[in-house]
Amino acid sequence: MIVEIEVNGRLRTVAVERLASPPDYYRVTVDGQPRVVGAVRLDGAALSLLLPDGASREVRFGPRDARGLVRAHLGNAAVDLLVNGRRLRRGSLALGSAGIVQITAPMPGKVLRVLATGGEEVAARQALVVVEAMKMENALSAPRAGRVKAVLVEEGQSVEAGRVLIEME
């Protein structure tokens, strides 16, 4: 799973991959820097983390507010996080509006599969293209129902972050 997390105005790309062994351990890559972290869910809103230095921390998350922010508490510190903010903003702008919607690459990668064709009618949340980035597959979906205006990439093509892959109307 790959997400973008905005912390205090700084955008971070985070990839999380569950490891086969030991159980409850994950490879967490933040801006290209991998670390192995143990994580166990305590309840619906908290995680217990075992960090690479052996320290244990509890992280508690509040609900998402109307702006899409989630407050994370780590000890006495609290920070507001915006998870996949560019996707949320793109989706919310597109849902109630007419006009062109652009599906863009969230980070540099390679187009694995193109699942839509020009002129095709698509449903909201239908997968349109699959991009591999940092050895993880990301299916990018339609933010609303509509028609594919143009497919601007091919399978096997390398793309940079922000590259328009598909246009919908």
N, C-alpha and C. Protein backbone atom coordinates (compact mmCIF):
# COMPACT_ATOMS: atom_id res chain seq x y z
N MET A 1 0.85 -1.16 0.00
CA MET A 1 0.00 0.00 0.00
C MET A 1 0.90 1.23 0.00
N ILE A 2 0.57 2.18 -0.83
CA ILE A 2 1.32 3.44 -0.89
C ILE A 2 0.35 4.58 -0.64
N VAL A 3 0.72 5.48 0.27
CA VAL A 3 -0.10 6.64 0.57
C VAL A 3 0.78 7.88 0.60
N GLU A 4 0.13 9.02 0.42
CA GLU A 4 0.79 10.30 0.64
C GLU A 4 0.26 10.85 1.95
N ILE A 5 1.17 11.32 2.79
CA ILE A 5 0.77 11.89 4.07
C ILE A 5 1.38 13.27 4.18
N GLU A 6 0.52 14.26 4.39
CA GLU A 6 0.99 15.62 4.58
C GLU A 6 1.06 15.90 6.07
N VAL A 7 2.27 16.21 6.55
CA VAL A 7 2.50 16.49 7.96
C VAL A 7 3.04 17.91 8.06
N ASN A 8 2.28 18.77 8.72
CA ASN A 8 2.69 20.17 8.88
C ASN A 8 3.09 20.80 7.55
N GLY A 9 2.31 20.53 6.51
CA GLY A 9 2.55 21.14 5.21
C GLY A 9 3.59 20.44 4.35
N ARG A 10 4.24 19.41 4.85
CA ARG A 10 5.25 18.69 4.08
C ARG A 10 4.68 17.35 3.61
N LEU A 11 4.72 17.12 2.29
CA LEU A 11 4.17 15.91 1.70
C LEU A 11 5.19 14.79 1.77
N ARG A 12 4.78 13.63 2.31
CA ARG A 12 5.63 12.44 2.42
C ARG A 12 4.96 11.31 1.67
N THR A 13 5.76 10.50 0.98
CA THR A 13 5.26 9.29 0.33
C THR A 13 5.64 8.12 1.23
N VAL A 14 4.64 7.32 1.60
CA VAL A 14 4.84 6.22 2.53
C VAL A 14 4.35 4.92 1.89
N ALA A 15 5.23 3.93 1.81
CA ALA A 15 4.85 2.60 1.33
C ALA A 15 4.92 1.65 2.51
N VAL A 16 3.91 0.80 2.63
CA VAL A 16 3.85 -0.17 3.73
C VAL A 16 3.69 -1.56 3.12
N GLU A 17 4.58 -2.46 3.49
CA GLU A 17 4.55 -3.83 2.99
C GLU A 17 4.65 -4.78 4.18
N ARG A 18 3.66 -5.67 4.32
CA ARG A 18 3.67 -6.65 5.42
C ARG A 18 4.74 -7.69 5.13
N LEU A 19 5.57 -8.01 6.12
CA LEU A 19 6.61 -9.02 5.98
C LEU A 19 6.05 -10.40 6.34
N ALA A 20 6.56 -11.43 5.70
CA ALA A 20 6.10 -12.79 5.98
C ALA A 20 6.56 -13.24 7.36
N SER A 21 7.74 -12.80 7.76
CA SER A 21 8.28 -13.22 9.06
C SER A 21 9.17 -12.10 9.59
N PRO A 22 9.14 -11.78 10.83
CA PRO A 22 8.23 -12.28 11.86
C PRO A 22 6.84 -11.69 11.68
N PRO A 23 5.81 -12.30 12.31
CA PRO A 23 4.45 -11.78 12.17
C PRO A 23 4.33 -10.38 12.78
N ASP A 24 3.42 -9.61 12.23
CA ASP A 24 3.13 -8.24 12.70
C ASP A 24 4.29 -7.28 12.46
N TYR A 25 5.16 -7.58 11.49
CA TYR A 25 6.23 -6.66 11.12
C TYR A 25 6.01 -6.19 9.70
N TYR A 26 6.42 -4.93 9.47
CA TYR A 26 6.18 -4.29 8.19
C TYR A 26 7.44 -3.56 7.74
N ARG A 27 7.63 -3.49 6.42
CA ARG A 27 8.67 -2.63 5.86
C ARG A 27 7.96 -1.33 5.52
N VAL A 28 8.34 -0.27 6.20
CA VAL A 28 7.75 1.05 6.00
C VAL A 28 8.81 1.92 5.33
N THR A 29 8.51 2.39 4.13
CA THR A 29 9.44 3.22 3.38
C THR A 29 8.88 4.63 3.32
N VAL A 30 9.60 5.58 3.91
CA VAL A 30 9.18 6.98 3.93
C VAL A 30 10.15 7.76 3.07
N ASP A 31 9.63 8.34 1.99
CA ASP A 31 10.46 9.11 1.05
C ASP A 31 11.70 8.34 0.63
N GLY A 32 11.53 7.04 0.35
CA GLY A 32 12.63 6.22 -0.14
C GLY A 32 13.51 5.60 0.92
N GLN A 33 13.28 5.89 2.20
CA GLN A 33 14.10 5.37 3.29
C GLN A 33 13.35 4.23 4.00
N PRO A 34 13.77 2.95 3.79
CA PRO A 34 13.05 1.84 4.40
C PRO A 34 13.44 1.58 5.85
N ARG A 35 12.46 1.13 6.64
CA ARG A 35 12.67 0.71 8.03
C ARG A 35 11.73 -0.45 8.30
N VAL A 36 12.13 -1.35 9.17
CA VAL A 36 11.26 -2.45 9.59
C VAL A 36 10.67 -2.07 10.94
N VAL A 37 9.33 -2.14 11.02
CA VAL A 37 8.60 -1.71 12.21
C VAL A 37 7.61 -2.79 12.60
N GLY A 38 7.54 -3.10 13.89
CA GLY A 38 6.51 -3.98 14.40
C GLY A 38 5.28 -3.16 14.71
N ALA A 39 4.09 -3.69 14.40
CA ALA A 39 2.87 -2.94 14.67
C ALA A 39 1.74 -3.90 15.02
N VAL A 40 1.05 -3.58 16.11
CA VAL A 40 -0.10 -4.36 16.54
C VAL A 40 -1.24 -3.38 16.83
N ARG A 41 -2.42 -3.66 16.27
CA ARG A 41 -3.58 -2.80 16.52
C ARG A 41 -4.08 -3.06 17.94
N LEU A 42 -4.20 -1.99 18.73
CA LEU A 42 -4.70 -2.09 20.10
C LEU A 42 -6.22 -2.02 20.14
N ASP A 43 -6.77 -1.14 19.32
CA ASP A 43 -8.21 -1.02 19.15
C ASP A 43 -8.41 -0.33 17.81
N GLY A 44 -9.61 0.12 17.51
CA GLY A 44 -9.88 0.72 16.21
C GLY A 44 -9.13 2.00 15.93
N ALA A 45 -8.58 2.64 16.96
CA ALA A 45 -7.95 3.95 16.77
C ALA A 45 -6.53 4.03 17.29
N ALA A 46 -5.92 2.89 17.65
CA ALA A 46 -4.57 2.95 18.22
C ALA A 46 -3.71 1.78 17.74
N LEU A 47 -2.41 2.07 17.62
CA LEU A 47 -1.42 1.06 17.27
C LEU A 47 -0.30 1.08 18.31
N SER A 48 0.24 -0.10 18.57
CA SER A 48 1.46 -0.20 19.36
C SER A 48 2.58 -0.49 18.38
N LEU A 49 3.60 0.36 18.38
CA LEU A 49 4.71 0.25 17.43
C LEU A 49 5.99 -0.17 18.14
N LEU A 50 6.74 -1.06 17.51
CA LEU A 50 8.09 -1.40 17.95
C LEU A 50 9.03 -0.85 16.90
N LEU A 51 9.80 0.16 17.27
CA LEU A 51 10.64 0.90 16.33
C LEU A 51 11.98 0.20 16.14
N PRO A 52 12.71 0.55 15.06
CA PRO A 52 14.00 -0.10 14.77
C PRO A 52 15.01 -0.01 15.91
N ASP A 53 14.94 1.04 16.73
CA ASP A 53 15.90 1.19 17.83
C ASP A 53 15.48 0.40 19.07
N GLY A 54 14.36 -0.36 18.98
CA GLY A 54 13.88 -1.17 20.09
C GLY A 54 12.87 -0.46 20.97
N ALA A 55 12.65 0.83 20.74
CA ALA A 55 11.68 1.59 21.54
C ALA A 55 10.26 1.19 21.15
N SER A 56 9.36 1.24 22.12
CA SER A 56 7.95 0.93 21.88
C SER A 56 7.15 2.23 22.06
N ARG A 57 6.22 2.48 21.13
CA ARG A 57 5.40 3.70 21.19
C ARG A 57 3.96 3.34 20.87
N GLU A 58 3.04 4.07 21.49
CA GLU A 58 1.63 3.94 21.15
C GLU A 58 1.22 5.17 20.34
N VAL A 59 0.54 4.94 19.22
CA VAL A 59 0.02 6.02 18.38
C VAL A 59 -1.49 5.89 18.37
N ARG A 60 -2.17 6.99 18.70
CA ARG A 60 -3.63 7.00 18.72
C ARG A 60 -4.11 8.01 17.68
N PHE A 61 -5.12 7.62 16.90
CA PHE A 61 -5.64 8.44 15.82
C PHE A 61 -7.06 8.89 16.12
N GLY A 62 -7.32 10.17 15.86
CA GLY A 62 -8.67 10.70 15.99
C GLY A 62 -9.44 10.48 14.70
N PRO A 63 -10.72 10.85 14.67
CA PRO A 63 -11.51 10.71 13.44
C PRO A 63 -11.10 11.75 12.40
N ARG A 64 -11.39 11.46 11.14
CA ARG A 64 -11.13 12.41 10.04
C ARG A 64 -12.13 13.55 10.17
N ASP A 65 -11.64 14.79 10.11
CA ASP A 65 -12.56 15.93 10.21
C ASP A 65 -13.09 16.31 8.82
N ALA A 66 -13.88 17.38 8.76
CA ALA A 66 -14.52 17.80 7.51
C ALA A 66 -13.50 18.19 6.44
N ARG A 67 -12.30 18.59 6.86
CA ARG A 67 -11.25 18.96 5.89
C ARG A 67 -10.42 17.76 5.47
N GLY A 68 -10.68 16.59 6.07
CA GLY A 68 -9.91 15.39 5.74
C GLY A 68 -8.73 15.15 6.66
N LEU A 69 -8.55 16.01 7.68
CA LEU A 69 -7.41 15.88 8.59
C LEU A 69 -7.68 14.83 9.66
N VAL A 70 -6.62 14.11 10.03
CA VAL A 70 -6.66 13.14 11.13
C VAL A 70 -5.63 13.59 12.15
N ARG A 71 -6.02 13.70 13.41
CA ARG A 71 -5.07 14.06 14.46
C ARG A 71 -4.45 12.79 15.00
N ALA A 72 -3.10 12.72 14.98
CA ALA A 72 -2.36 11.58 15.52
C ALA A 72 -1.68 12.02 16.81
N HIS A 73 -1.79 11.19 17.85
CA HIS A 73 -1.19 11.46 19.15
C HIS A 73 -0.09 10.43 19.40
N LEU A 74 1.11 10.92 19.67
CA LEU A 74 2.25 10.07 20.01
C LEU A 74 2.83 10.63 21.30
N GLY A 75 2.53 9.96 22.40
CA GLY A 75 2.94 10.49 23.70
C GLY A 75 2.23 11.81 23.95
N ASN A 76 2.98 12.86 24.31
CA ASN A 76 2.40 14.17 24.56
C ASN A 76 2.29 15.02 23.31
N ALA A 77 2.80 14.52 22.19
CA ALA A 77 2.77 15.29 20.95
C ALA A 77 1.55 14.91 20.12
N ALA A 78 1.02 15.90 19.41
CA ALA A 78 -0.09 15.67 18.49
C ALA A 78 0.21 16.39 17.19
N VAL A 79 -0.16 15.76 16.09
CA VAL A 79 0.07 16.36 14.78
C VAL A 79 -1.13 16.05 13.90
N ASP A 80 -1.49 17.00 13.03
CA ASP A 80 -2.58 16.79 12.08
C ASP A 80 -2.00 16.22 10.80
N LEU A 81 -2.61 15.14 10.32
CA LEU A 81 -2.17 14.46 9.11
C LEU A 81 -3.25 14.55 8.06
N LEU A 82 -2.85 14.75 6.81
CA LEU A 82 -3.76 14.67 5.68
C LEU A 82 -3.29 13.49 4.86
N VAL A 83 -4.07 12.41 4.85
CA VAL A 83 -3.69 11.19 4.15
C VAL A 83 -4.31 11.20 2.76
N ASN A 84 -3.46 11.02 1.73
CA ASN A 84 -3.89 11.04 0.34
C ASN A 84 -4.69 12.30 0.01
N GLY A 85 -4.18 13.42 0.47
CA GLY A 85 -4.87 14.69 0.29
C GLY A 85 -5.10 15.08 -1.15
N ARG A 86 -4.11 14.84 -2.01
CA ARG A 86 -4.30 15.19 -3.42
C ARG A 86 -5.42 14.36 -4.03
N ARG A 87 -5.51 13.08 -3.66
CA ARG A 87 -6.58 12.23 -4.17
C ARG A 87 -7.92 12.70 -3.61
N LEU A 88 -7.98 13.05 -2.32
CA LEU A 88 -9.23 13.52 -1.72
C LEU A 88 -9.70 14.79 -2.39
N ARG A 89 -8.77 15.74 -2.59
CA ARG A 89 -9.15 17.01 -3.21
C ARG A 89 -9.61 16.79 -4.64
N ARG A 90 -8.88 15.95 -5.40
CA ARG A 90 -9.25 15.67 -6.78
C ARG A 90 -10.63 15.04 -6.82
N GLY A 91 -10.88 14.07 -5.97
CA GLY A 91 -12.17 13.39 -5.95
C GLY A 91 -13.29 14.31 -5.56
N SER A 92 -13.09 15.13 -4.53
CA SER A 92 -14.17 15.98 -4.06
C SER A 92 -14.47 17.07 -5.07
N LEU A 93 -13.50 17.55 -5.78
CA LEU A 93 -13.76 18.54 -6.82
C LEU A 93 -14.51 17.92 -7.97
N ALA A 94 -14.20 16.68 -8.29
CA ALA A 94 -14.80 16.05 -9.46
C ALA A 94 -16.21 15.55 -9.19
N LEU A 95 -16.54 15.17 -7.97
CA LEU A 95 -17.81 14.50 -7.72
C LEU A 95 -19.02 15.33 -8.08
N GLY A 96 -19.01 16.59 -7.76
CA GLY A 96 -20.20 17.38 -8.04
C GLY A 96 -20.05 18.27 -9.24
N SER A 97 -19.02 18.14 -10.01
CA SER A 97 -18.77 19.09 -11.07
C SER A 97 -18.77 18.43 -12.43
N ALA A 98 -19.06 19.23 -13.42
CA ALA A 98 -18.95 18.78 -14.79
C ALA A 98 -17.55 19.16 -15.27
N GLY A 99 -17.19 18.73 -16.44
CA GLY A 99 -15.90 19.10 -16.99
C GLY A 99 -14.92 17.95 -16.97
N ILE A 100 -13.68 18.27 -17.30
CA ILE A 100 -12.63 17.26 -17.44
C ILE A 100 -12.05 16.92 -16.07
N VAL A 101 -11.87 15.62 -15.82
CA VAL A 101 -11.20 15.13 -14.62
C VAL A 101 -9.93 14.45 -15.10
N GLN A 102 -8.81 14.78 -14.48
CA GLN A 102 -7.53 14.18 -14.85
C GLN A 102 -7.10 13.19 -13.78
N ILE A 103 -6.80 11.96 -14.19
CA ILE A 103 -6.26 10.94 -13.31
C ILE A 103 -4.75 11.00 -13.48
N THR A 104 -4.03 11.29 -12.38
CA THR A 104 -2.59 11.50 -12.46
C THR A 104 -1.82 10.46 -11.65
N ALA A 105 -0.56 10.27 -12.02
CA ALA A 105 0.32 9.36 -11.29
C ALA A 105 0.66 9.99 -9.94
N PRO A 106 0.43 9.27 -8.82
CA PRO A 106 0.73 9.84 -7.51
C PRO A 106 2.22 9.95 -7.23
N MET A 107 3.04 9.16 -7.96
CA MET A 107 4.50 9.18 -7.79
C MET A 107 5.12 8.57 -9.04
N PRO A 108 6.43 8.70 -9.22
CA PRO A 108 7.06 8.10 -10.40
C PRO A 108 6.85 6.58 -10.39
N GLY A 109 6.68 6.01 -11.58
CA GLY A 109 6.49 4.57 -11.66
C GLY A 109 6.36 4.09 -13.08
N LYS A 110 5.79 2.90 -13.23
CA LYS A 110 5.63 2.26 -14.53
C LYS A 110 4.19 1.82 -14.67
N VAL A 111 3.58 2.08 -15.82
CA VAL A 111 2.21 1.68 -16.09
C VAL A 111 2.20 0.17 -16.34
N LEU A 112 1.52 -0.57 -15.47
CA LEU A 112 1.43 -2.03 -15.62
C LEU A 112 0.25 -2.43 -16.51
N ARG A 113 -0.93 -1.83 -16.24
CA ARG A 113 -2.12 -2.18 -17.00
C ARG A 113 -2.96 -0.93 -17.23
N VAL A 114 -3.51 -0.83 -18.43
CA VAL A 114 -4.50 0.19 -18.74
C VAL A 114 -5.82 -0.54 -18.85
N LEU A 115 -6.77 -0.20 -17.98
CA LEU A 115 -8.02 -0.94 -17.85
C LEU A 115 -9.20 -0.24 -18.53
N ALA A 116 -8.97 0.90 -19.14
CA ALA A 116 -10.05 1.66 -19.78
C ALA A 116 -9.61 2.06 -21.18
N THR A 117 -10.60 2.35 -22.02
CA THR A 117 -10.32 2.81 -23.38
C THR A 117 -11.05 4.12 -23.63
N GLY A 118 -10.55 4.90 -24.57
CA GLY A 118 -11.20 6.15 -24.92
C GLY A 118 -12.64 5.92 -25.34
N GLY A 119 -13.56 6.75 -24.85
CA GLY A 119 -14.97 6.64 -25.17
C GLY A 119 -15.75 5.73 -24.25
N GLU A 120 -15.08 4.96 -23.41
CA GLU A 120 -15.75 4.01 -22.52
C GLU A 120 -16.46 4.73 -21.38
N GLU A 121 -17.68 4.29 -21.08
CA GLU A 121 -18.42 4.78 -19.92
C GLU A 121 -17.90 4.02 -18.70
N VAL A 122 -17.58 4.73 -17.61
CA VAL A 122 -17.05 4.09 -16.41
C VAL A 122 -17.87 4.51 -15.20
N ALA A 123 -17.86 3.64 -14.19
CA ALA A 123 -18.57 3.89 -12.94
C ALA A 123 -17.64 4.58 -11.95
N ALA A 124 -18.22 5.22 -10.95
CA ALA A 124 -17.41 5.81 -9.88
C ALA A 124 -16.62 4.71 -9.19
N ARG A 125 -15.38 4.98 -8.89
CA ARG A 125 -14.45 4.07 -8.22
C ARG A 125 -14.03 2.87 -9.06
N GLN A 126 -14.34 2.87 -10.35
CA GLN A 126 -13.88 1.80 -11.24
C GLN A 126 -12.40 2.00 -11.51
N ALA A 127 -11.61 0.94 -11.40
CA ALA A 127 -10.17 1.02 -11.67
C ALA A 127 -9.95 1.33 -13.16
N LEU A 128 -9.06 2.29 -13.43
CA LEU A 128 -8.80 2.72 -14.80
C LEU A 128 -7.40 2.36 -15.27
N VAL A 129 -6.44 2.42 -14.36
CA VAL A 129 -5.05 2.16 -14.72
C VAL A 129 -4.31 1.67 -13.48
N VAL A 130 -3.33 0.78 -13.68
CA VAL A 130 -2.53 0.27 -12.58
C VAL A 130 -1.09 0.71 -12.80
N VAL A 131 -0.52 1.38 -11.79
CA VAL A 131 0.85 1.89 -11.86
C VAL A 131 1.66 1.21 -10.77
N GLU A 132 2.86 0.75 -11.13
CA GLU A 132 3.77 0.18 -10.15
C GLU A 132 4.75 1.27 -9.73
N ALA A 133 4.87 1.45 -8.42
CA ALA A 133 5.81 2.43 -7.87
C ALA A 133 6.41 1.82 -6.60
N MET A 134 7.71 1.84 -6.48
CA MET A 134 8.40 1.30 -5.31
C MET A 134 7.99 -0.15 -5.06
N LYS A 135 7.87 -0.93 -6.14
CA LYS A 135 7.55 -2.36 -6.09
C LYS A 135 6.15 -2.64 -5.55
N MET A 136 5.28 -1.64 -5.55
CA MET A 136 3.89 -1.80 -5.11
C MET A 136 2.98 -1.40 -6.26
N GLU A 137 1.88 -2.14 -6.43
CA GLU A 137 0.90 -1.83 -7.46
C GLU A 137 -0.17 -0.89 -6.90
N ASN A 138 -0.49 0.15 -7.68
CA ASN A 138 -1.51 1.12 -7.28
C ASN A 138 -2.56 1.18 -8.38
N ALA A 139 -3.79 0.79 -8.06
CA ALA A 139 -4.89 0.91 -9.00
C ALA A 139 -5.49 2.30 -8.83
N LEU A 140 -5.51 3.08 -9.89
CA LEU A 140 -6.08 4.42 -9.85
C LEU A 140 -7.48 4.36 -10.43
N SER A 141 -8.44 4.92 -9.70
CA SER A 141 -9.86 4.75 -10.03
C SER A 141 -10.51 6.05 -10.44
N ALA A 142 -11.67 5.90 -11.07
CA ALA A 142 -12.48 7.06 -11.46
C ALA A 142 -13.09 7.68 -10.21
N PRO A 143 -12.96 8.99 -10.02
CA PRO A 143 -13.55 9.63 -8.83
C PRO A 143 -15.06 9.78 -8.93
N ARG A 144 -15.61 9.64 -10.15
CA ARG A 144 -17.06 9.72 -10.36
C ARG A 144 -17.39 8.96 -11.64
N ALA A 145 -18.65 8.71 -11.85
CA ALA A 145 -19.08 8.09 -13.09
C ALA A 145 -18.87 9.08 -14.23
N GLY A 146 -18.56 8.58 -15.41
CA GLY A 146 -18.36 9.45 -16.56
C GLY A 146 -17.88 8.66 -17.76
N ARG A 147 -17.30 9.39 -18.71
CA ARG A 147 -16.79 8.79 -19.94
C ARG A 147 -15.31 9.10 -20.05
N VAL A 148 -14.53 8.09 -20.44
CA VAL A 148 -13.10 8.30 -20.63
C VAL A 148 -12.92 9.11 -21.91
N LYS A 149 -12.34 10.28 -21.77
CA LYS A 149 -12.10 11.14 -22.93
C LYS A 149 -10.84 10.70 -23.66
N ALA A 150 -9.76 10.43 -22.88
CA ALA A 150 -8.49 10.06 -23.51
C ALA A 150 -7.64 9.24 -22.55
N VAL A 151 -6.98 8.23 -23.11
CA VAL A 151 -5.98 7.46 -22.38
C VAL A 151 -4.64 7.96 -22.91
N LEU A 152 -3.82 8.52 -22.04
CA LEU A 152 -2.61 9.23 -22.46
C LEU A 152 -1.33 8.44 -22.22
N VAL A 153 -1.45 7.17 -21.81
CA VAL A 153 -0.27 6.33 -21.54
C VAL A 153 -0.49 4.93 -22.12
N GLU A 154 0.60 4.17 -22.18
CA GLU A 154 0.55 2.78 -22.64
C GLU A 154 1.13 1.88 -21.57
N GLU A 155 0.76 0.61 -21.61
CA GLU A 155 1.34 -0.35 -20.69
C GLU A 155 2.85 -0.42 -20.93
N GLY A 156 3.60 -0.48 -19.82
CA GLY A 156 5.05 -0.53 -19.89
C GLY A 156 5.73 0.83 -19.88
N GLN A 157 4.97 1.89 -20.01
CA GLN A 157 5.53 3.25 -20.06
C GLN A 157 5.91 3.73 -18.67
N SER A 158 7.06 4.38 -18.57
CA SER A 158 7.47 5.02 -17.31
C SER A 158 6.80 6.39 -17.23
N VAL A 159 6.37 6.75 -16.01
CA VAL A 159 5.70 8.04 -15.81
C VAL A 159 6.28 8.73 -14.59
N GLU A 160 6.28 10.03 -14.61
CA GLU A 160 6.75 10.81 -13.47
C GLU A 160 5.55 11.20 -12.61
N ALA A 161 5.80 11.59 -11.39
CA ALA A 161 4.73 12.02 -10.47
C ALA A 161 3.97 13.19 -11.09
N GLY A 162 2.65 13.14 -10.99
CA GLY A 162 1.82 14.22 -11.52
C GLY A 162 1.47 14.09 -12.98
N ARG A 163 2.05 13.13 -13.67
CA ARG A 163 1.76 12.92 -15.11
C ARG A 163 0.29 12.55 -15.29
N VAL A 164 -0.39 13.18 -16.22
CA VAL A 164 -1.78 12.87 -16.52
C VAL A 164 -1.81 11.55 -17.27
N LEU A 165 -2.55 10.58 -16.74
CA LEU A 165 -2.64 9.26 -17.33
C LEU A 165 -3.92 9.09 -18.16
N ILE A 166 -5.02 9.58 -17.59
CA ILE A 166 -6.33 9.44 -18.23
C ILE A 166 -7.13 10.72 -17.99
N GLU A 167 -7.87 11.14 -19.00
CA GLU A 167 -8.81 12.25 -18.86
C GLU A 167 -10.21 11.71 -18.98
N MET A 168 -11.08 12.17 -18.09
CA MET A 168 -12.50 11.79 -18.10
C MET A 168 -13.36 13.04 -18.23
N GLU A 169 -14.58 12.83 -18.73
CA GLU A 169 -15.57 13.92 -18.72
C GLU A 169 -16.89 13.42 -18.23
